[in-house]
Amino acid sequence: MLRRLLSGLALATAVVSVASAQDLPKSQFKVIGLNSPTPVSIHDELPFWRKTIPEASKGAITVDVTPLDQMGIDDKTMLRLLKLGVMDFAAMDISKMAGDDPRFEACDLAGLTLTPAKAREACNAYRAVIDRQMQKNWNAKLLAFGGNTPQVFWCRDVLAGLEGLKGKKVRVFNNTMRDFLSGVGATAVSMAFAEVVPALNNGVVDCGVTGSLSGNTAGWAEVTKSIYPMSLGWSINVLAVNLDTWKRLDPKTQAFLTEQFKAYEDKMWKTIETTTAEADNCNTGVQPCTMGKLAKTTIVPVKPEEMAAHKKLVEGAVLAGWAKRCGAACAKEWNETVGKTLDLKAPTP
């Protein structure tokens, strides 16, 4: 009897779900997504928009999604374009928007967290702040957080550890990485993701920072000899929607999408666990490597004393540099959210 009742409930739930999806009004969205060679684009983002959403909505929602590198768009302009309504939804590395608002790099300051779980905790603690700033100044609404594998150093030669970075030109993509590198005597060079392989190949930079698997799938292993896996963050990405687009949507469509975005966020963080675990295998030519390319790079171990120096840099130069850019009130709010979660304190200048 109980089994029959449960089966009936399950069937009823399925029917309601199908019915609600079939009842959705027709919608067509334009989406500009993350850099196409990255694992999050390949395994999460493009399948989500091209397969999951159309299928789950029973064809009511169709999506035109294009990665930003295929559109020739500068990463740093994504939020401005979203504000203007150039696209309905946009995914972006949130730290690259920090030139407009330092809060946008605050939950992923260089080296702040060392595990995906802690990275997600930090960003969850700051979610309301980022959403507030987006709605207040950018006519946008935050929908989901994701990330990448740890942001590590890919170098043309075999790096001699942390000390070996001194005097090197290193590609970075946000201000907080600049703070970290200034503390080790390296020169930070800002450069778009798509420009890094030729820059490394031609010696324009000595090293570049990107994800341990993102670099692999984008061909960095072909122009580098070593990886120094000292983490400078997770390249946290966000999915956001133009507020005008969101407000125009039928409440049923809003509810449907909100549920889908929650599942999508969970999937992105699950993928990070897999890609992070596989990155070393792929980069050193060892199986299993299901999400990258087999390569032959040397992984330079991070020594315990170097991790102690890393901690000191994060709690000193990194936090101080960010707090100075953001201001006292901003740093105080950080201490009450991210800082409280991670048991850290930013100076309030």
Protein backbone atom coordinates (compact mmCIF):
# COMPACT_ATOMS: atom_id res chain seq x y z
CA MET A 1 0.00 0.00 0.00
CA LEU A 2 2.79 2.39 1.03
CA ARG A 3 4.75 1.55 -2.11
CA ARG A 4 1.68 2.22 -4.26
CA LEU A 5 1.09 5.55 -2.47
CA LEU A 6 4.72 6.62 -2.95
CA SER A 7 4.59 5.63 -6.62
CA GLY A 8 1.43 7.66 -7.02
CA LEU A 9 3.03 10.69 -5.37
CA ALA A 10 6.11 10.41 -7.56
CA LEU A 11 3.94 10.16 -10.66
CA ALA A 12 1.87 13.14 -9.55
CA THR A 13 5.02 15.20 -8.96
CA ALA A 14 6.34 14.28 -12.39
CA VAL A 15 3.03 15.19 -14.01
CA VAL A 16 2.95 18.56 -12.22
CA SER A 17 6.56 19.22 -13.24
CA VAL A 18 5.87 18.39 -16.89
CA ALA A 19 2.65 20.36 -16.86
CA SER A 20 4.33 23.44 -15.37
CA ALA A 21 7.11 23.24 -17.95
CA GLN A 22 4.58 22.89 -20.78
CA ASP A 23 2.63 25.85 -19.37
CA LEU A 24 5.62 28.18 -19.61
CA PRO A 25 5.24 30.99 -22.15
CA LYS A 26 7.65 30.97 -25.08
CA SER A 27 10.92 32.80 -24.40
CA GLN A 28 14.06 33.37 -26.47
CA PHE A 29 17.20 34.55 -24.69
CA LYS A 30 20.57 35.85 -25.82
CA VAL A 31 23.44 34.72 -23.59
CA ILE A 32 27.13 35.59 -23.73
CA GLY A 33 29.22 33.09 -21.81
CA LEU A 34 32.67 32.37 -20.47
CA ASN A 35 35.86 31.72 -22.45
CA SER A 36 35.19 28.65 -24.58
CA PRO A 37 38.40 26.66 -23.83
CA THR A 38 37.70 26.56 -20.08
CA PRO A 39 36.34 23.39 -18.45
CA VAL A 40 33.40 25.27 -16.91
CA SER A 41 32.31 26.41 -20.38
CA ILE A 42 32.78 22.98 -21.94
CA HIS A 43 31.26 20.79 -19.22
CA ASP A 44 28.74 23.06 -17.48
CA GLU A 45 27.76 26.30 -19.18
CA LEU A 46 27.19 25.36 -22.82
CA PRO A 47 25.36 22.09 -22.01
CA PHE A 48 23.19 23.98 -19.51
CA TRP A 49 21.97 26.55 -22.03
CA ARG A 50 21.93 24.35 -25.13
CA LYS A 51 20.46 21.17 -23.64
CA THR A 52 19.26 21.40 -20.03
CA ILE A 53 17.11 24.54 -20.29
CA PRO A 54 15.39 23.73 -23.62
CA GLU A 55 14.68 20.14 -22.51
CA ALA A 56 13.55 21.01 -18.96
CA SER A 57 11.23 23.72 -20.32
CA LYS A 58 9.78 21.29 -22.90
CA GLY A 59 10.90 23.61 -25.67
CA ALA A 60 9.28 26.74 -24.19
CA ILE A 61 12.67 28.40 -23.66
CA THR A 62 15.24 28.62 -26.44
CA VAL A 63 18.69 30.13 -26.04
CA ASP A 64 21.31 31.65 -28.31
CA VAL A 65 24.53 31.27 -26.30
CA THR A 66 28.00 32.33 -27.50
CA PRO A 67 31.26 32.33 -25.49
CA LEU A 68 32.74 35.81 -25.12
CA ASP A 69 36.02 34.95 -26.89
CA GLN A 70 34.04 33.92 -29.97
CA MET A 71 32.32 37.31 -29.90
CA GLY A 72 35.64 39.15 -29.59
CA ILE A 73 34.49 40.79 -26.36
CA ASP A 74 36.88 42.08 -23.69
CA ASP A 75 36.13 40.28 -20.40
CA LYS A 76 36.20 43.53 -18.44
CA THR A 77 33.28 45.01 -20.39
CA MET A 78 30.78 42.21 -19.74
CA LEU A 79 28.94 43.92 -16.90
CA ARG A 80 28.70 47.17 -18.85
CA LEU A 81 27.27 45.35 -21.87
CA LEU A 82 24.78 43.53 -19.64
CA LYS A 83 23.67 46.86 -18.15
CA LEU A 84 23.01 48.17 -21.65
CA GLY A 85 20.92 45.11 -22.50
CA VAL A 86 23.26 43.86 -25.25
CA MET A 87 22.50 40.38 -23.89
CA ASP A 88 19.83 38.99 -21.54
CA PHE A 89 22.17 36.82 -19.47
CA ALA A 90 25.94 37.01 -19.06
CA ALA A 91 28.57 34.90 -17.34
CA MET A 92 31.80 36.57 -16.28
CA ASP A 93 34.85 36.24 -14.07
CA ILE A 94 33.65 38.58 -11.35
CA SER A 95 37.15 39.70 -10.29
CA LYS A 96 37.69 41.22 -13.73
CA MET A 97 34.91 43.71 -12.90
CA ALA A 98 36.81 44.97 -9.83
CA GLY A 99 38.14 47.99 -11.71
CA ASP A 100 34.57 49.29 -11.53
CA ASP A 101 33.91 48.10 -7.97
CA PRO A 102 36.55 46.48 -5.70
CA ARG A 103 33.78 44.46 -4.03
CA PHE A 104 33.65 42.27 -7.12
CA GLU A 105 36.93 40.55 -6.19
CA ALA A 106 36.29 40.43 -2.45
CA CYS A 107 35.27 36.77 -2.02
CA ASP A 108 38.17 35.51 -4.16
CA LEU A 109 41.14 37.65 -3.14
CA ALA A 110 44.44 36.09 -4.27
CA GLY A 111 45.15 33.01 -2.17
CA LEU A 112 42.25 33.69 0.21
CA THR A 113 40.85 30.14 0.20
CA LEU A 114 42.58 26.86 -0.58
CA THR A 115 39.67 24.45 -1.18
CA PRO A 116 36.56 24.63 -3.38
CA ALA A 117 34.36 24.24 -0.29
CA LYS A 118 35.95 27.26 1.41
CA ALA A 119 35.78 29.29 -1.80
CA ARG A 120 32.06 28.60 -2.04
CA GLU A 121 31.53 29.45 1.64
CA ALA A 122 33.33 32.77 1.20
CA CYS A 123 31.27 33.73 -1.85
CA ASN A 124 28.01 32.60 -0.26
CA ALA A 125 28.80 34.89 2.69
CA TYR A 126 29.21 37.79 0.24
CA ARG A 127 26.40 36.90 -2.18
CA ALA A 128 23.99 39.58 -0.92
CA VAL A 129 26.66 42.29 -1.22
CA ILE A 130 27.51 41.44 -4.84
CA ASP A 131 23.83 41.18 -5.78
CA ARG A 132 23.14 44.54 -4.10
CA GLN A 133 25.95 46.26 -6.01
CA MET A 134 24.84 44.72 -9.31
CA GLN A 135 21.24 45.81 -8.84
CA LYS A 136 22.17 49.26 -7.54
CA ASN A 137 24.73 50.23 -10.18
CA TRP A 138 24.55 47.78 -13.08
CA ASN A 139 20.87 47.04 -13.72
CA ALA A 140 21.68 43.36 -13.18
CA LYS A 141 20.74 40.54 -10.85
CA LEU A 142 23.11 37.86 -9.53
CA LEU A 143 21.83 34.34 -10.26
CA ALA A 144 24.65 31.86 -9.58
CA PHE A 145 28.28 31.51 -8.51
CA GLY A 146 30.74 29.07 -10.07
CA GLY A 147 34.49 28.74 -10.34
CA ASN A 148 37.46 27.03 -11.90
CA THR A 149 40.36 24.89 -10.83
CA PRO A 150 42.98 26.62 -8.60
CA GLN A 151 44.68 29.59 -10.29
CA VAL A 152 48.34 28.56 -10.48
CA PHE A 153 51.59 29.62 -12.18
CA TRP A 154 52.39 28.23 -15.64
CA CYS A 155 56.01 29.07 -16.56
CA ARG A 156 58.14 28.91 -19.70
CA ASP A 157 61.02 27.36 -17.73
CA VAL A 158 61.15 25.13 -14.65
CA LEU A 159 60.47 27.60 -11.84
CA ALA A 160 62.70 27.61 -8.77
CA GLY A 161 59.81 27.87 -6.32
CA LEU A 162 58.41 31.05 -4.80
CA GLU A 163 61.79 32.80 -4.80
CA GLY A 164 62.07 32.05 -8.51
CA LEU A 165 59.19 34.45 -9.23
CA LYS A 166 61.29 37.44 -8.22
CA GLY A 167 61.98 39.62 -11.26
CA LYS A 168 59.69 37.54 -13.49
CA LYS A 169 56.95 39.03 -15.70
CA VAL A 170 53.74 37.23 -14.80
CA ARG A 171 50.39 37.43 -16.56
CA VAL A 172 47.52 38.16 -14.16
CA PHE A 173 43.90 39.17 -14.68
CA ASN A 174 42.90 41.12 -11.59
CA ASN A 175 44.15 43.67 -9.06
CA THR A 176 44.41 41.32 -6.10
CA MET A 177 46.91 39.11 -7.98
CA ARG A 178 48.97 42.27 -8.52
CA ASP A 179 49.04 42.79 -4.75
CA PHE A 180 50.29 39.24 -4.22
CA LEU A 181 52.99 39.47 -6.89
CA SER A 182 54.27 42.81 -5.61
CA GLY A 183 54.93 41.01 -2.33
CA VAL A 184 57.25 38.50 -4.04
CA GLY A 185 59.05 41.00 -6.28
CA ALA A 186 57.46 39.91 -9.57
CA THR A 187 56.03 42.19 -12.26
CA ALA A 188 52.33 41.72 -12.94
CA VAL A 189 51.20 42.02 -16.56
CA SER A 190 47.46 42.27 -17.31
CA MET A 191 46.46 40.26 -20.35
CA ALA A 192 43.33 38.68 -21.79
CA PHE A 193 43.11 34.88 -21.62
CA ALA A 194 43.20 34.47 -25.41
CA GLU A 195 46.48 36.44 -25.67
CA VAL A 196 48.51 34.39 -23.18
CA VAL A 197 49.67 31.43 -25.30
CA PRO A 198 51.43 33.62 -27.90
CA ALA A 199 52.79 35.86 -25.11
CA LEU A 200 54.32 32.87 -23.33
CA ASN A 201 55.58 31.42 -26.59
CA ASN A 202 57.31 34.67 -27.56
CA GLY A 203 58.70 35.47 -24.10
CA VAL A 204 56.53 38.55 -23.58
CA VAL A 205 55.81 37.07 -20.14
CA ASP A 206 57.78 34.45 -18.19
CA CYS A 207 54.77 32.92 -16.44
CA GLY A 208 51.00 33.20 -16.52
CA VAL A 209 48.35 32.59 -13.91
CA THR A 210 45.27 30.55 -14.78
CA GLY A 211 43.46 27.41 -13.68
CA SER A 212 45.37 24.15 -13.38
CA LEU A 213 43.00 22.59 -15.92
CA SER A 214 41.92 25.74 -17.81
CA GLY A 215 45.53 26.20 -18.93
CA ASN A 216 45.62 22.59 -20.03
CA THR A 217 42.48 22.74 -22.17
CA ALA A 218 43.57 26.08 -23.66
CA GLY A 219 46.98 24.77 -24.79
CA TRP A 220 49.25 26.43 -22.25
CA ALA A 221 51.13 23.15 -21.73
CA GLU A 222 52.45 23.51 -25.29
CA VAL A 223 54.36 26.70 -24.42
CA THR A 224 55.37 26.05 -20.80
CA LYS A 225 57.67 23.62 -19.01
CA SER A 226 56.44 23.85 -15.43
CA ILE A 227 53.49 24.50 -13.15
CA TYR A 228 53.96 25.97 -9.69
CA PRO A 229 50.71 25.04 -7.90
CA MET A 230 50.63 27.86 -5.35
CA SER A 231 47.00 28.94 -5.52
CA LEU A 232 45.96 32.52 -6.24
CA GLY A 233 42.23 31.86 -6.11
CA TRP A 234 39.48 30.16 -8.11
CA SER A 235 38.59 32.60 -10.90
CA ILE A 236 35.08 32.85 -9.50
CA ASN A 237 32.50 33.33 -12.22
CA VAL A 238 28.97 34.60 -11.88
CA LEU A 239 25.84 34.27 -13.95
CA ALA A 240 23.77 37.45 -14.02
CA VAL A 241 20.68 38.71 -15.83
CA ASN A 242 19.72 42.14 -17.09
CA LEU A 243 17.10 43.42 -14.62
CA ASP A 244 14.79 44.69 -17.35
CA THR A 245 14.81 41.23 -18.94
CA TRP A 246 14.12 39.57 -15.58
CA LYS A 247 11.24 41.89 -14.68
CA ARG A 248 9.58 41.25 -18.04
CA LEU A 249 9.45 37.50 -17.44
CA ASP A 250 6.29 35.72 -16.44
CA PRO A 251 6.42 34.70 -12.71
CA LYS A 252 6.24 31.03 -13.74
CA THR A 253 9.30 31.48 -15.95
CA GLN A 254 11.14 33.26 -13.14
CA ALA A 255 10.35 30.42 -10.73
CA PHE A 256 11.36 27.77 -13.27
CA LEU A 257 14.68 29.49 -14.05
CA THR A 258 15.48 30.14 -10.37
CA GLU A 259 15.17 26.41 -9.68
CA GLN A 260 17.35 25.58 -12.69
CA PHE A 261 20.04 28.09 -11.66
CA LYS A 262 20.30 26.53 -8.20
CA ALA A 263 20.93 23.11 -9.74
CA TYR A 264 23.38 24.65 -12.23
CA GLU A 265 25.38 26.27 -9.43
CA ASP A 266 25.61 22.94 -7.56
CA LYS A 267 26.79 21.24 -10.74
CA MET A 268 29.53 23.82 -11.35
CA TRP A 269 30.96 23.29 -7.87
CA LYS A 270 30.77 19.52 -8.30
CA THR A 271 32.69 19.85 -11.58
CA ILE A 272 35.44 21.83 -9.82
CA GLU A 273 36.04 18.87 -7.52
CA THR A 274 36.51 16.56 -10.52
CA THR A 275 38.61 18.94 -12.61
CA THR A 276 40.83 19.86 -9.64
CA ALA A 277 41.42 16.17 -8.90
CA GLU A 278 42.25 15.40 -12.54
CA ALA A 279 44.39 18.45 -13.35
CA ASP A 280 47.71 17.02 -12.11
CA ASN A 281 47.09 13.78 -14.01
CA CYS A 282 46.38 15.58 -17.27
CA ASN A 283 49.32 17.94 -16.89
CA THR A 284 51.80 15.14 -16.23
CA GLY A 285 50.47 12.66 -18.77
CA VAL A 286 48.78 10.23 -16.37
CA GLN A 287 45.32 8.62 -16.56
CA PRO A 288 42.57 9.14 -15.54
CA CYS A 289 42.37 12.35 -17.55
CA THR A 290 38.82 12.60 -18.89
CA MET A 291 38.37 16.38 -18.85
CA GLY A 292 41.67 17.64 -20.27
CA LYS A 293 44.59 16.77 -22.55
CA LEU A 294 47.54 14.57 -21.63
CA ALA A 295 50.63 16.78 -21.33
CA LYS A 296 54.19 16.60 -20.02
CA THR A 297 54.78 19.50 -17.65
CA THR A 298 56.87 19.49 -14.48
CA ILE A 299 54.95 20.24 -11.31
CA VAL A 300 57.20 22.15 -8.90
CA PRO A 301 56.14 21.23 -5.33
CA VAL A 302 55.17 24.03 -2.95
CA LYS A 303 57.33 23.72 0.17
CA PRO A 304 55.88 24.15 3.70
CA GLU A 305 57.88 27.34 4.25
CA GLU A 306 56.51 28.71 0.97
CA MET A 307 52.96 28.05 2.15
CA ALA A 308 53.80 29.97 5.33
CA ALA A 309 55.00 32.86 3.15
CA HIS A 310 51.78 32.53 1.09
CA LYS A 311 49.66 32.88 4.25
CA LYS A 312 51.63 35.95 5.32
CA LEU A 313 51.20 37.56 1.90
CA VAL A 314 47.43 36.95 1.90
CA GLU A 315 46.96 38.34 5.41
CA GLY A 316 49.29 41.26 4.70
CA ALA A 317 49.76 42.65 1.18
CA VAL A 318 46.62 41.13 -0.34
CA LEU A 319 44.10 42.15 2.32
CA ALA A 320 45.73 45.55 2.84
CA GLY A 321 45.84 46.32 -0.90
CA TRP A 322 42.20 45.41 -1.39
CA ALA A 323 41.00 47.29 1.72
CA LYS A 324 42.79 50.43 0.55
CA ARG A 325 41.01 50.26 -2.83
CA CYS A 326 37.62 49.52 -1.31
CA GLY A 327 37.64 51.85 1.70
CA ALA A 328 36.91 51.57 5.43
CA ALA A 329 33.14 50.95 5.22
CA CYS A 330 33.66 48.29 2.56
CA ALA A 331 36.40 46.55 4.57
CA LYS A 332 34.17 46.59 7.68
CA GLU A 333 31.37 44.90 5.73
CA TRP A 334 33.87 42.32 4.44
CA ASN A 335 34.99 41.58 8.01
CA GLU A 336 31.37 40.94 8.99
CA THR A 337 30.75 38.55 6.06
CA VAL A 338 33.70 36.88 4.32
CA GLY A 339 36.12 37.67 7.15
CA LYS A 340 33.82 36.18 9.75
CA THR A 341 33.42 33.03 7.65
CA LEU A 342 37.18 32.58 7.17
CA ASP A 343 38.31 33.99 10.55
CA LEU A 344 40.29 36.78 8.87
CA LYS A 345 40.28 40.55 9.28
CA ALA A 346 40.92 43.23 6.68
CA PRO A 347 42.37 46.55 7.88
CA THR A 348 39.82 49.38 7.93
CA PRO A 349 41.90 52.33 6.71
